[in-house]
C-alpha atoms as a PDB file:
ATOM      1  CA  UNK A   1     -27.220 -24.551  49.754  1.00  0.00           C
ATOM      2  CA  UNK A   2     -28.757 -27.978  49.206  1.00  0.00           C
ATOM      3  CA  UNK A   3     -29.335 -29.390  45.749  1.00  0.00           C
ATOM      4  CA  UNK A   4     -31.423 -32.253  44.468  1.00  0.00           C
ATOM      5  CA  UNK A   5     -30.914 -34.065  41.189  1.00  0.00           C
ATOM      6  CA  UNK A   6     -33.578 -35.655  38.981  1.00  0.00           C
ATOM      7  CA  UNK A   7     -32.377 -37.634  35.966  1.00  0.00           C
ATOM      8  CA  UNK A   8     -34.306 -38.732  32.887  1.00  0.00           C
ATOM      9  CA  UNK A   9     -32.677 -41.532  30.905  1.00  0.00           C
ATOM     10  CA  UNK A  10     -33.646 -42.287  27.303  1.00  0.00           C
ATOM     11  CA  UNK A  11     -32.529 -45.354  25.362  1.00  0.00           C
ATOM     12  CA  UNK A  12     -32.982 -44.873  21.612  1.00  0.00           C
ATOM     13  CA  UNK A  13     -33.201 -47.338  18.748  1.00  0.00           C
ATOM     14  CA  UNK A  14     -31.205 -46.952  15.522  1.00  0.00           C
ATOM     15  CA  UNK A  15     -33.780 -44.396  14.277  1.00  0.00           C
ATOM     16  CA  UNK A  16     -33.500 -42.364  17.498  1.00  0.00           C
ATOM     17  CA  UNK A  17     -36.965 -43.447  18.648  1.00  0.00           C
ATOM     18  CA  UNK A  18     -37.245 -44.007  22.415  1.00  0.00           C
ATOM     19  CA  UNK A  19     -37.235 -47.694  23.306  1.00  0.00           C
ATOM     20  CA  UNK A  20     -36.811 -47.368  27.053  1.00  0.00           C
ATOM     21  CA  UNK A  21     -37.337 -44.504  29.476  1.00  0.00           C
ATOM     22  CA  UNK A  22     -36.287 -44.451  33.106  1.00  0.00           C
ATOM     23  CA  UNK A  23     -35.697 -41.905  35.808  1.00  0.00           C
ATOM     24  CA  UNK A  24     -33.858 -41.351  39.066  1.00  0.00           C
ATOM     25  CA  UNK A  25     -34.606 -39.111  42.019  1.00  0.00           C
ATOM     26  CA  UNK A  26     -32.370 -40.526  44.707  1.00  0.00           C
ATOM     27  CA  UNK A  27     -33.562 -38.146  47.433  1.00  0.00           C
ATOM     28  CA  UNK A  28     -37.102 -39.310  46.708  1.00  0.00           C
ATOM     29  CA  UNK A  29     -36.110 -42.964  46.755  1.00  0.00           C
ATOM     30  CA  UNK A  30     -36.489 -43.455  42.993  1.00  0.00           C
ATOM     31  CA  UNK A  31     -33.750 -45.504  41.317  1.00  0.00           C
ATOM     32  CA  UNK A  32     -33.961 -46.467  37.648  1.00  0.00           C
ATOM     33  CA  UNK A  33     -37.766 -46.477  37.658  1.00  0.00           C
ATOM     34  CA  UNK A  34     -39.152 -47.416  34.263  1.00  0.00           C
ATOM     35  CA  UNK A  35     -41.572 -45.071  32.511  1.00  0.00           C
ATOM     36  CA  UNK A  36     -43.397 -45.283  29.205  1.00  0.00           C
ATOM     37  CA  UNK A  37     -43.746 -41.499  28.746  1.00  0.00           C
ATOM     38  CA  UNK A  38     -42.358 -38.176  29.967  1.00  0.00           C
ATOM     39  CA  UNK A  39     -43.870 -34.714  29.641  1.00  0.00           C
ATOM     40  CA  UNK A  40     -41.477 -32.077  30.945  1.00  0.00           C
ATOM     41  CA  UNK A  41     -42.084 -28.330  30.805  1.00  0.00           C
ATOM     42  CA  UNK A  42     -39.543 -25.721  31.827  1.00  0.00           C
ATOM     43  CA  UNK A  43     -40.243 -21.986  32.057  1.00  0.00           C
ATOM     44  CA  UNK A  44     -37.611 -19.767  30.407  1.00  0.00           C
ATOM     45  CA  UNK A  45     -37.911 -16.490  32.286  1.00  0.00           C
ATOM     46  CA  UNK A  46     -35.682 -14.633  29.819  1.00  0.00           C
ATOM     47  CA  UNK A  47     -37.777 -15.402  26.732  1.00  0.00           C
ATOM     48  CA  UNK A  48     -41.088 -15.857  28.577  1.00  0.00           C
ATOM     49  CA  UNK A  49     -41.559 -19.213  26.858  1.00  0.00           C
ATOM     50  CA  UNK A  50     -42.381 -22.703  28.023  1.00  0.00           C
ATOM     51  CA  UNK A  51     -39.837 -25.195  26.742  1.00  0.00           C
ATOM     52  CA  UNK A  52     -40.793 -28.827  26.678  1.00  0.00           C
ATOM     53  CA  UNK A  53     -39.691 -32.363  26.129  1.00  0.00           C
ATOM     54  CA  UNK A  54     -42.398 -34.855  25.174  1.00  0.00           C
ATOM     55  CA  UNK A  55     -41.191 -38.445  24.863  1.00  0.00           C
ATOM     56  CA  UNK A  56     -42.853 -41.828  24.863  1.00  0.00           C
ATOM     57  CA  UNK A  57     -41.671 -45.294  24.013  1.00  0.00           C
ATOM     58  CA  UNK A  58     -42.732 -46.916  20.789  1.00  0.00           C
ATOM     59  CA  UNK A  59     -44.565 -49.591  22.764  1.00  0.00           C
ATOM     60  CA  UNK A  60     -46.664 -47.111  24.796  1.00  0.00           C
ATOM     61  CA  UNK A  61     -50.277 -48.250  24.328  1.00  0.00           C
ATOM     62  CA  UNK A  62     -52.598 -45.564  22.934  1.00  0.00           C
ATOM     63  CA  UNK A  63     -55.165 -46.210  25.677  1.00  0.00           C
ATOM     64  CA  UNK A  64     -52.460 -45.660  28.298  1.00  0.00           C
ATOM     65  CA  UNK A  65     -51.428 -42.428  26.540  1.00  0.00           C
ATOM     66  CA  UNK A  66     -55.018 -41.161  26.683  1.00  0.00           C
ATOM     67  CA  UNK A  67     -55.199 -41.908  30.410  1.00  0.00           C
ATOM     68  CA  UNK A  68     -51.765 -40.345  30.939  1.00  0.00           C
ATOM     69  CA  UNK A  69     -52.949 -37.112  29.308  1.00  0.00           C
ATOM     70  CA  UNK A  70     -56.177 -37.105  31.300  1.00  0.00           C
ATOM     71  CA  UNK A  71     -54.345 -37.564  34.594  1.00  0.00           C
ATOM     72  CA  UNK A  72     -51.735 -34.964  33.616  1.00  0.00           C
ATOM     73  CA  UNK A  73     -54.426 -32.411  32.772  1.00  0.00           C
ATOM     74  CA  UNK A  74     -56.114 -33.052  36.131  1.00  0.00           C
ATOM     75  CA  UNK A  75     -52.811 -32.638  37.950  1.00  0.00           C
ATOM     76  CA  UNK A  76     -52.148 -29.411  36.047  1.00  0.00           C
ATOM     77  CA  UNK A  77     -55.475 -27.987  37.233  1.00  0.00           C
ATOM     78  CA  UNK A  78     -54.462 -28.730  40.840  1.00  0.00           C
ATOM     79  CA  UNK A  79     -51.024 -27.207  40.296  1.00  0.00           C
ATOM     80  CA  UNK A  80     -52.586 -24.157  38.647  1.00  0.00           C
ATOM     81  CA  UNK A  81     -54.797 -23.684  41.724  1.00  0.00           C
ATOM     82  CA  UNK A  82     -51.869 -23.966  44.151  1.00  0.00           C
ATOM     83  CA  UNK A  83     -49.748 -21.577  42.055  1.00  0.00           C
ATOM     84  CA  UNK A  84     -52.386 -18.906  41.315  1.00  0.00           C
ATOM     85  CA  UNK A  85     -55.213 -19.365  43.833  1.00  0.00           C
ATOM     86  CA  UNK A  86     -57.570 -18.876  40.851  1.00  0.00           C
ATOM     87  CA  UNK A  87     -60.407 -21.199  41.888  1.00  0.00           C
ATOM     88  CA  UNK A  88     -62.693 -20.290  38.987  1.00  0.00           C
ATOM     89  CA  UNK A  89     -60.161 -21.141  36.292  1.00  0.00           C
ATOM     90  CA  UNK A  90     -59.028 -24.256  38.140  1.00  0.00           C
ATOM     91  CA  UNK A  91     -62.627 -25.502  38.201  1.00  0.00           C
ATOM     92  CA  UNK A  92     -62.978 -24.626  34.497  1.00  0.00           C
ATOM     93  CA  UNK A  93     -59.900 -26.718  33.786  1.00  0.00           C
ATOM     94  CA  UNK A  94     -61.376 -29.622  35.764  1.00  0.00           C
ATOM     95  CA  UNK A  95     -64.632 -29.286  33.823  1.00  0.00           C
ATOM     96  CA  UNK A  96     -62.593 -29.683  30.646  1.00  0.00           C
ATOM     97  CA  UNK A  97     -60.960 -32.802  32.119  1.00  0.00           C
ATOM     98  CA  UNK A  98     -64.403 -34.325  32.681  1.00  0.00           C
ATOM     99  CA  UNK A  99     -65.321 -33.490  29.081  1.00  0.00           C
ATOM    100  CA  UNK A 100     -62.002 -34.921  27.851  1.00  0.00           C
ATOM    101  CA  UNK A 101     -62.572 -38.184  29.740  1.00  0.00           C
ATOM    102  CA  UNK A 102     -66.159 -38.475  28.495  1.00  0.00           C
ATOM    103  CA  UNK A 103     -65.156 -37.911  24.852  1.00  0.00           C
ATOM    104  CA  UNK A 104     -62.394 -40.515  25.120  1.00  0.00           C
ATOM    105  CA  UNK A 105     -64.666 -42.859  27.091  1.00  0.00           C
ATOM    106  CA  UNK A 106     -62.080 -43.197  29.851  1.00  0.00           C
ATOM    107  CA  UNK A 107     -62.940 -45.025  33.041  1.00  0.00           C
ATOM    108  CA  UNK A 108     -61.394 -43.888  36.316  1.00  0.00           C
END
């Protein structure tokens, strides 16, 4: 069996607020890549619950956070389509992403 390791590293200030985020995925060629935010969801099959870790650095600009959410929502609609083959709901999700971007006045 082959395994692959992905690491998320969080440096905290004295109040346990993230100051620096980085990640490694050596098989993917990623070594200590800096990030300003992480959104990680894990499905717990036993409890049928999504567990999550949402972190961002204290210097993450709000405009960047809005764009990060927009792009994440778009990516989730693509992932939902690949996982379920539910084209109608995937398109509905994308319609929401357009609405989201318009309301936040985001520019692609």
